Every structure is written in structure tokens, then in C-alpha cells.
């Protein structure tokens, strides 16, 4: 009987140790993130990838933006940051297309903040090609160049790739960060924007150490 009890206790201890080994440590004992199942491959395995899913019509995303910008100034050199517009309905899709058009035209840094401002503060829809043409024209882009980019194969391909991408990572709201295709960090799990950055940095450190040990 005693041997049976000792064996059971030993099995429970081994099981607990194994489970602890499988669970990554970030923040407070893994608090603030969820695992992406299955994990997604990244574009460059030699780098740590951080992908932000966002929507220009999301007030939380706009309020998170200053935290992202501050973090970008201090992020490690081995980290690649990717902005990825989420698409959950046609309106989100229209704003994603605006993002990809700006990216294709090489003016994203110039218009990114103004997209947020126009949509959320000025209450402009910016969903139709005509409205977006006016917006880009006001930002120094020639109208013909805008229409060519807006209807280009490059933008169309990025739109097709973006559709369904957020749900494939288990994301159902924004803003959300995905670290190295493995971990999902959102305001709901981290509880604050500051905590999102803190957990992200911890996961980056963990992934960097794992890569160095290979």
C-alpha cells in the first residue's frame, strides 16, 4: 500500500515537472499571453518576429499606438516588427486595403497616424476608393499613382493573404501581438497596454535565449 502511494506521488511530481517545463515563462509565470496552436512559421527564423494585428477603426488600437512607437525605439536588434491589419468584415477590409495601398506607395510612415486621426477623430469613413483617393491626394500622392496601387496585383495579393490570418492565430479582437508565431498577447490577457509590452519583451528574451542555445 505504501509503495503504491509513493509511486502515485512520484508520478504526480514527474507530471507536474513535465507540465512546468512545457509552459513558457513570461511576465509572472506565463501570465498575460496564450499559446498559438498550432504555431505559425515566421518569415526569417534567424530573427524574433513580433506581429501587431490592428484596425484603424479600433480606439484601443489608436491608444496602443504610442506604446508601440515607444517600444520600437528600444526593441532589440534581432526583432522584426510587422504591422498586420486584421480583417473581420468588409469595413475592416476597406481599411486594410488602405494600409496596403499606402505600404505599396511607400508612404505608410507618412499617413499611418493620420489614418487613425481621420477615421476616429474626424469621423471620416475612408472606405471607398473615391474617399481614399482624396485622402492620399491630400498627403502628396498623385491620383493616378493611388488608383494604380489601389488596384494593383501587389495590394490584391496582400488582401488575400490577410483574410482569415487573424483567426488562424486565434485572434478575435485588436490590438493583439503575436511573438515568433507562438504566443498571443492581447489587452484581455495582459490587462493593460503596459503589461502587453512587458510580456512581449519577456517572450522576446525567452525566444532569443532559445535561439542562441540551438
N, C-alpha and C. Protein backbone atom coordinates (compact mmCIF):
# COMPACT_ATOMS: atom_id res chain seq x y z
N UNK A 1 0.83 -1.21 0.00
CA UNK A 1 0.00 0.00 0.00
C UNK A 1 0.86 1.26 0.00
N UNK A 2 1.89 1.24 0.92
CA UNK A 2 2.79 2.41 1.00
C UNK A 2 3.53 2.61 -0.31
N UNK A 3 3.97 1.49 -0.90
CA UNK A 3 4.68 1.57 -2.18
C UNK A 3 3.78 2.16 -3.26
N UNK A 4 2.51 1.78 -3.26
CA UNK A 4 1.55 2.28 -4.26
C UNK A 4 1.35 3.78 -4.11
N UNK A 5 1.23 4.23 -2.84
CA UNK A 5 1.06 5.66 -2.59
C UNK A 5 2.29 6.45 -3.02
N UNK A 6 3.47 5.91 -2.66
CA UNK A 6 4.72 6.58 -3.05
C UNK A 6 4.86 6.65 -4.57
N UNK A 7 4.47 5.58 -5.25
CA UNK A 7 4.54 5.55 -6.72
C UNK A 7 3.61 6.60 -7.31
N UNK A 8 2.40 6.73 -6.73
CA UNK A 8 1.43 7.71 -7.22
C UNK A 8 1.95 9.12 -7.03
N UNK A 9 2.53 9.38 -5.83
CA UNK A 9 3.08 10.70 -5.55
C UNK A 9 4.21 11.03 -6.51
N UNK A 10 5.08 10.05 -6.75
CA UNK A 10 6.20 10.24 -7.68
C UNK A 10 5.70 10.56 -9.08
N UNK A 11 4.67 9.85 -9.51
CA UNK A 11 4.10 10.10 -10.84
C UNK A 11 3.54 11.50 -10.94
N UNK A 12 2.87 11.97 -9.88
CA UNK A 12 2.29 13.32 -9.88
C UNK A 12 3.38 14.38 -9.94
N UNK A 13 4.48 14.13 -9.20
CA UNK A 13 5.60 15.08 -9.21
C UNK A 13 6.23 15.17 -10.58
N UNK A 14 6.48 14.02 -11.20
CA UNK A 14 7.07 13.97 -12.55
C UNK A 14 6.16 14.65 -13.55
N UNK A 15 4.85 14.40 -13.43
CA UNK A 15 3.88 15.01 -14.34
C UNK A 15 3.88 16.52 -14.20
N UNK A 16 3.93 17.01 -12.94
CA UNK A 16 3.93 18.45 -12.69
C UNK A 16 5.17 19.11 -13.25
N UNK A 17 6.32 18.45 -13.08
CA UNK A 17 7.59 18.99 -13.60
C UNK A 17 7.54 19.06 -15.12
N UNK A 18 6.99 18.02 -15.75
CA UNK A 18 6.89 17.99 -17.22
C UNK A 18 6.00 19.10 -17.72
N UNK A 19 4.86 19.31 -17.04
CA UNK A 19 3.94 20.37 -17.46
C UNK A 19 4.59 21.73 -17.29
N UNK A 20 5.33 21.91 -16.20
CA UNK A 20 6.01 23.19 -15.96
C UNK A 20 7.06 23.45 -17.03
N UNK A 21 7.73 22.38 -17.47
CA UNK A 21 8.78 22.53 -18.50
C UNK A 21 8.18 22.92 -19.83
N UNK A 22 6.95 22.47 -20.09
CA UNK A 22 6.30 22.75 -21.37
C UNK A 22 5.77 24.17 -21.42
N UNK A 23 5.44 24.74 -20.25
CA UNK A 23 4.84 26.06 -20.22
C UNK A 23 5.90 27.14 -20.18
N UNK A 24 5.94 28.04 -21.19
CA UNK A 24 6.95 29.09 -21.22
C UNK A 24 6.78 30.06 -20.06
N UNK A 25 7.86 30.62 -19.60
CA UNK A 25 7.82 31.60 -18.54
C UNK A 25 7.93 32.99 -19.15
N UNK A 26 6.95 33.85 -18.90
CA UNK A 26 6.99 35.24 -19.35
C UNK A 26 6.15 36.06 -18.41
N UNK A 27 6.64 37.22 -18.04
CA UNK A 27 5.90 38.01 -17.08
C UNK A 27 5.86 37.23 -15.78
N UNK A 28 4.69 37.12 -15.18
CA UNK A 28 4.54 36.38 -13.93
C UNK A 28 4.07 34.97 -14.25
N UNK A 29 5.04 34.07 -14.34
CA UNK A 29 4.76 32.65 -14.58
C UNK A 29 3.87 32.42 -15.80
N UNK A 30 4.18 33.09 -16.88
CA UNK A 30 3.42 32.87 -18.11
C UNK A 30 2.15 33.67 -18.18
N UNK A 31 1.89 34.50 -17.20
CA UNK A 31 0.68 35.30 -17.16
C UNK A 31 0.70 36.36 -18.26
N UNK A 32 -0.42 36.56 -18.92
CA UNK A 32 -0.52 37.65 -19.89
C UNK A 32 -0.43 37.24 -21.34
N UNK A 33 -0.30 35.95 -21.62
CA UNK A 33 -0.24 35.51 -23.00
C UNK A 33 -0.94 34.15 -23.15
N UNK A 34 -1.19 33.78 -24.39
CA UNK A 34 -1.76 32.48 -24.71
C UNK A 34 -0.91 31.85 -25.80
N UNK A 35 -0.93 30.56 -25.87
CA UNK A 35 -0.18 29.85 -26.91
C UNK A 35 -0.96 29.86 -28.22
N UNK A 36 -0.26 30.05 -29.33
CA UNK A 36 -0.86 29.92 -30.66
C UNK A 36 -0.78 28.45 -31.04
N UNK A 37 -1.93 27.86 -31.32
CA UNK A 37 -1.97 26.43 -31.63
C UNK A 37 -2.67 26.19 -32.97
N UNK A 38 -1.96 25.63 -33.96
CA UNK A 38 -0.53 25.31 -33.92
C UNK A 38 0.30 26.58 -34.14
N UNK A 39 1.56 26.57 -33.75
CA UNK A 39 2.40 27.74 -34.00
C UNK A 39 2.60 27.96 -35.50
N UNK A 40 2.78 29.22 -35.89
CA UNK A 40 2.97 29.56 -37.29
C UNK A 40 4.46 29.77 -37.59
N UNK A 41 4.93 29.35 -38.74
CA UNK A 41 6.32 29.64 -39.11
C UNK A 41 6.49 31.14 -39.37
N UNK A 42 7.67 31.66 -39.12
CA UNK A 42 7.95 33.08 -39.37
C UNK A 42 8.73 33.21 -40.68
N UNK A 43 8.82 34.44 -41.16
CA UNK A 43 9.50 34.68 -42.44
C UNK A 43 11.00 34.46 -42.35
N UNK A 44 11.59 34.79 -41.19
CA UNK A 44 13.04 34.68 -41.03
C UNK A 44 13.34 34.03 -39.68
N UNK A 45 13.66 32.73 -39.66
CA UNK A 45 13.94 32.01 -38.41
C UNK A 45 15.10 32.58 -37.62
N UNK A 46 15.96 33.36 -38.26
CA UNK A 46 17.11 33.94 -37.54
C UNK A 46 16.72 35.17 -36.74
N UNK A 47 15.50 35.63 -36.92
CA UNK A 47 15.00 36.81 -36.20
C UNK A 47 13.82 36.43 -35.30
N UNK A 48 13.54 37.28 -34.32
CA UNK A 48 12.36 37.14 -33.49
C UNK A 48 11.30 38.06 -34.08
N UNK A 49 10.18 37.48 -34.48
CA UNK A 49 9.14 38.25 -35.16
C UNK A 49 8.04 38.67 -34.19
N UNK A 50 7.71 39.95 -34.23
CA UNK A 50 6.58 40.47 -33.46
C UNK A 50 5.59 41.07 -34.45
N UNK A 51 4.39 40.53 -34.49
CA UNK A 51 3.37 40.98 -35.43
C UNK A 51 2.21 41.63 -34.66
N UNK A 52 1.86 42.84 -35.06
CA UNK A 52 0.74 43.53 -34.43
C UNK A 52 -0.49 43.46 -35.34
N UNK A 53 -1.57 42.90 -34.82
CA UNK A 53 -2.85 42.92 -35.52
C UNK A 53 -3.63 44.13 -35.02
N UNK A 54 -4.14 44.93 -35.95
CA UNK A 54 -4.82 46.17 -35.57
C UNK A 54 -5.92 46.50 -36.58
N UNK A 55 -6.71 47.53 -36.23
CA UNK A 55 -7.71 48.08 -37.16
C UNK A 55 -7.76 49.58 -36.91
N UNK A 56 -7.76 50.36 -37.99
CA UNK A 56 -7.78 51.81 -37.86
C UNK A 56 -9.04 52.32 -37.17
N UNK A 57 -10.11 51.55 -37.22
CA UNK A 57 -11.35 51.97 -36.58
C UNK A 57 -11.44 51.58 -35.12
N UNK A 58 -10.40 50.95 -34.59
CA UNK A 58 -10.40 50.48 -33.20
C UNK A 58 -9.77 51.53 -32.29
N UNK A 59 -10.55 52.11 -31.37
CA UNK A 59 -9.97 53.13 -30.48
C UNK A 59 -8.87 52.59 -29.59
N UNK A 60 -8.98 51.32 -29.21
CA UNK A 60 -7.94 50.72 -28.38
C UNK A 60 -6.61 50.64 -29.15
N UNK A 61 -6.71 50.35 -30.45
CA UNK A 61 -5.50 50.29 -31.28
C UNK A 61 -4.84 51.66 -31.36
N UNK A 62 -5.66 52.70 -31.50
CA UNK A 62 -5.11 54.05 -31.58
C UNK A 62 -4.42 54.42 -30.26
N UNK A 63 -5.01 54.03 -29.15
CA UNK A 63 -4.43 54.35 -27.85
C UNK A 63 -3.20 53.48 -27.55
N UNK A 64 -3.13 52.33 -28.20
CA UNK A 64 -1.97 51.45 -28.03
C UNK A 64 -0.78 51.92 -28.86
N UNK A 65 -1.06 52.68 -29.92
CA UNK A 65 -0.03 53.10 -30.87
C UNK A 65 1.14 53.82 -30.20
N UNK A 66 0.94 54.76 -29.27
CA UNK A 66 2.09 55.41 -28.62
C UNK A 66 2.98 54.42 -27.87
N UNK A 67 2.38 53.37 -27.30
CA UNK A 67 3.16 52.35 -26.61
C UNK A 67 4.02 51.56 -27.61
N UNK A 68 3.44 51.30 -28.77
CA UNK A 68 4.17 50.58 -29.82
C UNK A 68 5.35 51.42 -30.30
N UNK A 69 5.10 52.70 -30.52
CA UNK A 69 6.16 53.58 -31.02
C UNK A 69 7.31 53.71 -30.01
N UNK A 70 6.96 53.81 -28.74
CA UNK A 70 7.99 53.90 -27.71
C UNK A 70 8.80 52.61 -27.65
N UNK A 71 8.10 51.47 -27.79
CA UNK A 71 8.78 50.17 -27.76
C UNK A 71 9.70 50.00 -28.96
N UNK A 72 9.28 50.47 -30.12
CA UNK A 72 10.08 50.34 -31.34
C UNK A 72 11.44 51.04 -31.21
N UNK A 73 11.50 52.07 -30.39
CA UNK A 73 12.76 52.80 -30.19
C UNK A 73 13.76 52.01 -29.36
N UNK A 74 13.24 51.01 -28.60
CA UNK A 74 14.13 50.28 -27.69
C UNK A 74 14.17 48.78 -27.98
N UNK A 75 13.45 48.31 -28.99
CA UNK A 75 13.40 46.87 -29.26
C UNK A 75 14.79 46.35 -29.64
N UNK A 76 15.07 45.10 -29.30
CA UNK A 76 16.38 44.50 -29.64
C UNK A 76 16.59 44.45 -31.15
N UNK A 77 17.84 44.43 -31.56
CA UNK A 77 18.18 44.44 -32.98
C UNK A 77 17.73 43.17 -33.70
N UNK A 78 17.56 42.10 -32.96
CA UNK A 78 17.18 40.83 -33.60
C UNK A 78 15.68 40.67 -33.75
N UNK A 79 14.93 41.74 -33.45
CA UNK A 79 13.46 41.69 -33.53
C UNK A 79 12.97 42.38 -34.79
N UNK A 80 12.11 41.68 -35.53
CA UNK A 80 11.46 42.24 -36.71
C UNK A 80 10.00 42.53 -36.36
N UNK A 81 9.59 43.78 -36.58
CA UNK A 81 8.21 44.18 -36.26
C UNK A 81 7.39 44.27 -37.54
N UNK A 82 6.20 43.67 -37.51
CA UNK A 82 5.30 43.66 -38.67
C UNK A 82 3.93 44.18 -38.26
N UNK A 83 3.46 45.21 -38.94
CA UNK A 83 2.08 45.65 -38.74
C UNK A 83 1.19 44.82 -39.65
N UNK A 84 0.11 44.28 -39.12
CA UNK A 84 -0.77 43.44 -39.91
C UNK A 84 -2.23 43.82 -39.64
N UNK A 85 -2.87 44.49 -40.60
CA UNK A 85 -4.28 44.82 -40.40
C UNK A 85 -5.14 43.56 -40.34
N UNK A 86 -6.00 43.50 -39.34
CA UNK A 86 -6.92 42.37 -39.22
C UNK A 86 -8.15 42.63 -40.08
N UNK A 87 -8.73 41.57 -40.62
CA UNK A 87 -9.94 41.70 -41.45
C UNK A 87 -11.01 40.77 -40.90
N UNK A 88 -12.06 41.36 -40.32
CA UNK A 88 -13.16 40.57 -39.79
C UNK A 88 -14.48 40.84 -40.51
N UNK A 89 -14.52 41.93 -41.29
CA UNK A 89 -15.73 42.26 -42.06
C UNK A 89 -15.33 43.24 -43.16
N UNK A 90 -16.24 43.59 -44.07
CA UNK A 90 -15.89 44.47 -45.19
C UNK A 90 -15.31 45.82 -44.79
N UNK A 91 -15.80 46.40 -43.68
CA UNK A 91 -15.27 47.69 -43.26
C UNK A 91 -13.81 47.57 -42.84
N UNK A 92 -13.49 46.53 -42.09
CA UNK A 92 -12.10 46.28 -41.71
C UNK A 92 -11.26 46.03 -42.97
N UNK A 93 -11.87 45.35 -43.94
CA UNK A 93 -11.18 45.07 -45.19
C UNK A 93 -10.85 46.33 -45.96
N UNK A 94 -11.77 47.30 -45.95
CA UNK A 94 -11.54 48.57 -46.65
C UNK A 94 -10.35 49.31 -46.05
N UNK A 95 -10.26 49.30 -44.74
CA UNK A 95 -9.14 49.98 -44.07
C UNK A 95 -7.84 49.21 -44.24
N UNK A 96 -7.94 47.88 -44.31
CA UNK A 96 -6.74 47.08 -44.57
C UNK A 96 -6.20 47.39 -45.97
N UNK A 97 -7.12 47.55 -46.91
CA UNK A 97 -6.69 47.86 -48.28
C UNK A 97 -6.02 49.23 -48.34
N UNK A 98 -6.51 50.16 -47.55
CA UNK A 98 -5.89 51.48 -47.47
C UNK A 98 -4.46 51.36 -46.93
N UNK A 99 -4.29 50.52 -45.91
CA UNK A 99 -2.96 50.28 -45.33
C UNK A 99 -2.02 49.69 -46.37
N UNK A 100 -2.46 48.66 -47.08
CA UNK A 100 -1.60 48.00 -48.06
C UNK A 100 -1.31 48.92 -49.25
N UNK A 101 -2.26 49.78 -49.59
CA UNK A 101 -2.02 50.75 -50.66
C UNK A 101 -0.93 51.73 -50.25
N UNK A 102 -1.02 52.22 -49.02
CA UNK A 102 0.00 53.14 -48.51
C UNK A 102 1.36 52.46 -48.45
N UNK A 103 1.37 51.20 -48.04
CA UNK A 103 2.61 50.43 -47.96
C UNK A 103 3.23 50.28 -49.35
N UNK A 104 2.40 49.97 -50.33
CA UNK A 104 2.87 49.79 -51.72
C UNK A 104 3.41 51.10 -52.29
N UNK A 105 2.79 52.21 -51.92
CA UNK A 105 3.22 53.52 -52.41
C UNK A 105 4.43 54.06 -51.64
N UNK A 106 4.80 53.39 -50.55
CA UNK A 106 5.94 53.84 -49.76
C UNK A 106 5.66 55.05 -48.90
N UNK A 107 4.38 55.27 -48.55
CA UNK A 107 4.03 56.44 -47.74
C UNK A 107 3.39 56.05 -46.41
N UNK A 108 3.55 54.80 -46.00
CA UNK A 108 2.88 54.33 -44.79
C UNK A 108 3.28 55.14 -43.56
N UNK A 109 4.57 55.38 -43.38
CA UNK A 109 5.03 56.14 -42.22
C UNK A 109 4.43 57.55 -42.20
N UNK A 110 4.17 58.06 -43.38
CA UNK A 110 3.65 59.42 -43.52
C UNK A 110 2.17 59.51 -43.19
N UNK A 111 1.41 58.45 -43.47
CA UNK A 111 -0.05 58.52 -43.34
C UNK A 111 -0.63 57.67 -42.20
N UNK A 112 0.17 56.83 -41.59
CA UNK A 112 -0.34 55.87 -40.59
C UNK A 112 -1.11 56.57 -39.46
N UNK A 113 -0.49 57.55 -38.83
CA UNK A 113 -1.15 58.27 -37.74
C UNK A 113 -2.38 59.03 -38.23
N UNK A 114 -2.29 59.59 -39.44
CA UNK A 114 -3.39 60.36 -39.99
C UNK A 114 -4.60 59.49 -40.33
N UNK A 115 -4.36 58.21 -40.64
CA UNK A 115 -5.47 57.28 -40.84
C UNK A 115 -6.28 57.18 -39.55
N UNK A 116 -5.58 56.94 -38.46
CA UNK A 116 -6.25 56.86 -37.16
C UNK A 116 -7.02 58.16 -36.87
N UNK A 117 -6.37 59.28 -37.08
CA UNK A 117 -6.97 60.58 -36.78
C UNK A 117 -8.20 60.83 -37.64
N UNK A 118 -8.09 60.56 -38.93
CA UNK A 118 -9.21 60.82 -39.85
C UNK A 118 -10.41 59.93 -39.55
N UNK A 119 -10.16 58.67 -39.27
CA UNK A 119 -11.25 57.72 -39.05
C UNK A 119 -11.88 57.88 -37.68
N UNK A 120 -11.07 58.09 -36.66
CA UNK A 120 -11.62 58.10 -35.30
C UNK A 120 -11.94 59.49 -34.77
N UNK A 121 -11.09 60.46 -35.03
CA UNK A 121 -11.34 61.81 -34.51
C UNK A 121 -12.18 62.66 -35.45
N UNK A 122 -11.89 62.56 -36.74
CA UNK A 122 -12.63 63.35 -37.72
C UNK A 122 -13.86 62.63 -38.26
N UNK A 123 -14.01 61.35 -37.86
CA UNK A 123 -15.17 60.53 -38.22
C UNK A 123 -15.35 60.38 -39.73
N UNK A 124 -14.24 60.29 -40.44
CA UNK A 124 -14.28 60.04 -41.88
C UNK A 124 -14.30 58.52 -42.11
N UNK A 125 -15.14 58.07 -43.03
CA UNK A 125 -15.28 56.63 -43.26
C UNK A 125 -14.03 56.04 -43.91
N UNK A 126 -13.52 56.73 -44.94
CA UNK A 126 -12.35 56.26 -45.69
C UNK A 126 -12.49 54.79 -46.09
N UNK A 127 -13.63 54.46 -46.66
CA UNK A 127 -13.87 53.09 -47.08
C UNK A 127 -13.94 52.93 -48.60
N UNK A 128 -14.33 53.99 -49.29
CA UNK A 128 -14.46 53.90 -50.75
C UNK A 128 -13.17 54.34 -51.44
N UNK A 129 -13.01 53.89 -52.67
CA UNK A 129 -11.83 54.27 -53.45
C UNK A 129 -11.79 55.78 -53.65
N UNK A 130 -12.96 56.39 -53.86
CA UNK A 130 -13.02 57.84 -54.09
C UNK A 130 -12.58 58.63 -52.85
N UNK A 131 -13.06 58.20 -51.67
CA UNK A 131 -12.69 58.91 -50.44
C UNK A 131 -11.20 58.73 -50.13
N UNK A 132 -10.71 57.54 -50.38
CA UNK A 132 -9.29 57.28 -50.12
C UNK A 132 -8.41 58.05 -51.10
N UNK A 133 -8.88 58.21 -52.33
CA UNK A 133 -8.12 58.96 -53.32
C UNK A 133 -7.92 60.40 -52.84
N UNK A 134 -8.97 60.99 -52.26
CA UNK A 134 -8.88 62.36 -51.73
C UNK A 134 -7.89 62.41 -50.57
N UNK A 135 -7.95 61.40 -49.72
CA UNK A 135 -7.05 61.34 -48.56
C UNK A 135 -5.60 61.27 -49.01
N UNK A 136 -5.31 60.37 -49.95
CA UNK A 136 -3.93 60.22 -50.42
C UNK A 136 -3.46 61.45 -51.19
N UNK A 137 -4.37 62.06 -51.93
CA UNK A 137 -4.04 63.27 -52.69
C UNK A 137 -3.63 64.38 -51.72
N UNK A 138 -4.33 64.47 -50.58
CA UNK A 138 -4.02 65.49 -49.58
C UNK A 138 -2.68 65.22 -48.90
N UNK A 139 -2.18 64.02 -49.08
CA UNK A 139 -0.89 63.66 -48.49
C UNK A 139 0.22 63.55 -49.54
N UNK A 140 0.00 64.23 -50.66
CA UNK A 140 1.05 64.35 -51.66
C UNK A 140 1.17 63.23 -52.67
N UNK A 141 0.21 62.31 -52.70
CA UNK A 141 0.25 61.21 -53.65
C UNK A 141 -0.56 61.58 -54.89
N UNK A 142 0.01 61.39 -56.06
CA UNK A 142 -0.72 61.69 -57.29
C UNK A 142 -1.90 60.75 -57.44
N UNK A 143 -2.99 61.28 -57.93
CA UNK A 143 -4.22 60.49 -58.01
C UNK A 143 -4.05 59.24 -58.86
N UNK A 144 -3.37 59.37 -59.99
CA UNK A 144 -3.15 58.20 -60.86
C UNK A 144 -2.32 57.14 -60.15
N UNK A 145 -1.32 57.59 -59.39
CA UNK A 145 -0.48 56.65 -58.65
C UNK A 145 -1.30 55.91 -57.60
N UNK A 146 -2.19 56.64 -56.95
CA UNK A 146 -3.05 56.00 -55.95
C UNK A 146 -3.91 54.91 -56.57
N UNK A 147 -4.60 55.24 -57.66
CA UNK A 147 -5.52 54.27 -58.28
C UNK A 147 -4.77 53.04 -58.79
N UNK A 148 -3.58 53.26 -59.34
CA UNK A 148 -2.78 52.14 -59.83
C UNK A 148 -2.39 51.21 -58.68
N UNK A 149 -1.95 51.80 -57.58
CA UNK A 149 -1.56 50.99 -56.42
C UNK A 149 -2.77 50.30 -55.81
N UNK A 150 -3.87 51.03 -55.68
CA UNK A 150 -5.10 50.51 -55.07
C UNK A 150 -5.62 49.28 -55.81
N UNK A 151 -5.46 49.28 -57.15
CA UNK A 151 -5.96 48.19 -57.98
C UNK A 151 -4.85 47.21 -58.38
N UNK A 152 -3.69 47.36 -57.78
CA UNK A 152 -2.54 46.57 -58.19
C UNK A 152 -2.62 45.12 -57.73
N UNK A 153 -1.85 44.29 -58.39
CA UNK A 153 -1.76 42.87 -58.02
C UNK A 153 -1.15 42.73 -56.63
N UNK A 154 -0.17 43.59 -56.30
CA UNK A 154 0.52 43.52 -55.01
C UNK A 154 -0.46 43.72 -53.86
N UNK A 155 -1.31 44.73 -53.98
CA UNK A 155 -2.30 45.01 -52.93
C UNK A 155 -3.34 43.89 -52.86
N UNK A 156 -3.76 43.42 -54.02
CA UNK A 156 -4.74 42.33 -54.06
C UNK A 156 -4.19 41.07 -53.39
N UNK A 157 -2.92 40.78 -53.64
CA UNK A 157 -2.29 39.59 -53.06
C UNK A 157 -2.20 39.73 -51.55
N UNK A 158 -1.85 40.92 -51.06
CA UNK A 158 -1.76 41.14 -49.61
C UNK A 158 -3.13 41.04 -48.95
N UNK A 159 -4.15 41.49 -49.65
CA UNK A 159 -5.51 41.39 -49.11
C UNK A 159 -5.93 39.93 -48.99
N UNK A 160 -5.63 39.15 -50.00
CA UNK A 160 -5.99 37.72 -49.96
C UNK A 160 -5.26 37.02 -48.82
N UNK A 161 -4.00 37.39 -48.62
CA UNK A 161 -3.20 36.79 -47.56
C UNK A 161 -3.73 37.19 -46.18
N UNK A 162 -4.20 38.43 -46.06
CA UNK A 162 -4.66 38.95 -44.77
C UNK A 162 -6.00 38.37 -44.34
N UNK A 163 -6.84 38.02 -45.30
CA UNK A 163 -8.16 37.48 -44.98
C UNK A 163 -8.03 36.15 -44.24
N UNK A 164 -8.56 36.09 -43.08
CA UNK A 164 -8.50 34.86 -42.30
C UNK A 164 -7.22 34.68 -41.51
N UNK A 165 -6.26 35.61 -41.65
CA UNK A 165 -4.98 35.46 -40.97
C UNK A 165 -5.14 35.62 -39.45
N UNK A 166 -5.87 36.64 -39.03
CA UNK A 166 -6.04 36.86 -37.59
C UNK A 166 -6.70 35.66 -36.90
N UNK A 167 -7.81 35.14 -37.43
CA UNK A 167 -8.42 33.96 -36.79
C UNK A 167 -7.49 32.75 -36.77
N UNK A 168 -6.60 32.64 -37.76
CA UNK A 168 -5.69 31.49 -37.79
C UNK A 168 -4.71 31.53 -36.62
N UNK A 169 -4.51 32.73 -36.05
CA UNK A 169 -3.67 32.87 -34.86
C UNK A 169 -4.51 32.82 -33.58
N UNK A 170 -5.81 32.61 -33.73
CA UNK A 170 -6.69 32.59 -32.57
C UNK A 170 -7.09 33.97 -32.09
N UNK A 171 -6.93 34.97 -32.96
CA UNK A 171 -7.23 36.35 -32.59
C UNK A 171 -8.66 36.70 -32.99
N UNK A 172 -9.42 37.27 -32.05
CA UNK A 172 -10.78 37.70 -32.35
C UNK A 172 -11.02 39.17 -31.99
N UNK A 173 -9.95 39.88 -31.65
CA UNK A 173 -10.07 41.30 -31.34
C UNK A 173 -8.72 41.97 -31.43
N UNK A 174 -8.72 43.30 -31.44
CA UNK A 174 -7.49 44.08 -31.56
C UNK A 174 -7.43 45.13 -30.46
N UNK A 175 -6.21 45.60 -30.10
CA UNK A 175 -4.92 45.20 -30.66
C UNK A 175 -4.46 43.86 -30.08
N UNK A 176 -3.64 43.17 -30.84
CA UNK A 176 -3.06 41.91 -30.39
C UNK A 176 -1.67 41.76 -30.98
N UNK A 177 -0.78 41.17 -30.21
CA UNK A 177 0.58 40.93 -30.67
C UNK A 177 0.84 39.43 -30.72
N UNK A 178 1.55 39.00 -31.75
CA UNK A 178 1.97 37.60 -31.86
C UNK A 178 3.48 37.58 -31.87
N UNK A 179 4.06 36.84 -30.95
CA UNK A 179 5.52 36.78 -30.83
C UNK A 179 6.03 35.47 -31.40
N UNK A 180 6.83 35.60 -32.45
CA UNK A 180 7.50 34.47 -33.11
C UNK A 180 6.54 33.37 -33.56
N UNK A 181 5.32 33.76 -33.86
CA UNK A 181 4.33 32.79 -34.35
C UNK A 181 3.83 31.82 -33.30
N UNK A 182 4.27 32.02 -32.04
CA UNK A 182 3.97 31.05 -30.98
C UNK A 182 3.07 31.56 -29.86
N UNK A 183 3.17 32.85 -29.56
CA UNK A 183 2.50 33.39 -28.39
C UNK A 183 1.60 34.57 -28.77
N UNK A 184 0.44 34.61 -28.19
CA UNK A 184 -0.55 35.65 -28.47
C UNK A 184 -0.73 36.51 -27.22
N UNK A 185 -0.53 37.83 -27.38
CA UNK A 185 -0.65 38.76 -26.27
C UNK A 185 -1.68 39.82 -26.63
N UNK A 186 -2.72 39.95 -25.81
CA UNK A 186 -3.76 40.94 -26.05
C UNK A 186 -4.09 41.68 -24.77
N UNK A 187 -4.89 42.73 -24.91
CA UNK A 187 -5.27 43.51 -23.74
C UNK A 187 -6.08 42.68 -22.76
N UNK A 188 -6.87 41.74 -23.27
CA UNK A 188 -7.70 40.90 -22.41
C UNK A 188 -6.86 39.96 -21.55
N UNK A 189 -5.75 39.48 -22.10
CA UNK A 189 -4.89 38.56 -21.35
C UNK A 189 -3.87 39.30 -20.50
N UNK A 190 -3.34 40.39 -21.02
CA UNK A 190 -2.30 41.15 -20.30
C UNK A 190 -2.88 42.20 -19.35
N UNK A 191 -4.15 42.58 -19.60
CA UNK A 191 -4.89 43.51 -18.73
C UNK A 191 -4.54 44.99 -18.91
N UNK A 192 -3.43 45.30 -19.56
CA UNK A 192 -3.08 46.70 -19.81
C UNK A 192 -2.10 46.78 -20.97
N UNK A 193 -2.01 47.94 -21.58
CA UNK A 193 -1.06 48.14 -22.68
C UNK A 193 0.37 48.00 -22.18
N UNK A 194 0.63 48.52 -20.99
CA UNK A 194 1.98 48.43 -20.42
C UNK A 194 2.37 46.96 -20.21
N UNK A 195 1.41 46.18 -19.73
CA UNK A 195 1.67 44.76 -19.49
C UNK A 195 1.87 44.02 -20.81
N UNK A 196 1.14 44.42 -21.86
CA UNK A 196 1.33 43.81 -23.17
C UNK A 196 2.78 43.94 -23.62
N UNK A 197 3.34 45.13 -23.44
CA UNK A 197 4.73 45.37 -23.83
C UNK A 197 5.68 44.58 -22.92
N UNK A 198 5.38 44.55 -21.64
CA UNK A 198 6.22 43.83 -20.68
C UNK A 198 6.28 42.34 -21.00
N UNK A 199 5.11 41.74 -21.25
CA UNK A 199 5.05 40.31 -21.58
C UNK A 199 5.74 40.04 -22.91
N UNK A 200 5.53 40.93 -23.87
CA UNK A 200 6.17 40.78 -25.17
C UNK A 200 7.70 40.78 -25.03
N UNK A 201 8.22 41.71 -24.25
CA UNK A 201 9.68 41.76 -24.04
C UNK A 201 10.19 40.49 -23.37
N UNK A 202 9.42 39.95 -22.41
CA UNK A 202 9.83 38.73 -21.74
C UNK A 202 9.86 37.56 -22.70
N UNK A 203 8.88 37.49 -23.59
CA UNK A 203 8.82 36.41 -24.57
C UNK A 203 9.94 36.54 -25.61
N UNK A 204 10.25 37.79 -25.98
CA UNK A 204 11.37 38.03 -26.90
C UNK A 204 12.68 37.54 -26.28
N UNK A 205 12.88 37.86 -25.00
CA UNK A 205 14.08 37.43 -24.29
C UNK A 205 14.16 35.91 -24.24
N UNK A 206 13.02 35.29 -23.98
CA UNK A 206 12.94 33.82 -23.91
C UNK A 206 13.26 33.19 -25.25
N UNK A 207 12.66 33.73 -26.32
CA UNK A 207 12.89 33.18 -27.67
C UNK A 207 14.32 33.42 -28.13
N UNK A 208 14.88 34.56 -27.76
CA UNK A 208 16.27 34.86 -28.12
C UNK A 208 17.23 33.88 -27.45
N UNK A 209 16.96 33.59 -26.18
CA UNK A 209 17.79 32.65 -25.44
C UNK A 209 17.68 31.25 -26.04
N UNK A 210 16.48 30.88 -26.44
CA UNK A 210 16.26 29.56 -27.03
C UNK A 210 17.00 29.45 -28.36
N UNK A 211 16.97 30.53 -29.16
CA UNK A 211 17.67 30.53 -30.45
C UNK A 211 19.17 30.46 -30.27
N UNK A 212 19.67 31.15 -29.26
CA UNK A 212 21.11 31.15 -29.01
C UNK A 212 21.58 29.76 -28.54
N UNK A 213 20.70 29.02 -27.92
CA UNK A 213 21.07 27.72 -27.40
C UNK A 213 21.02 26.60 -28.41
N UNK A 214 20.52 26.91 -29.62
CA UNK A 214 20.42 25.86 -30.67
C UNK A 214 21.80 25.55 -31.27
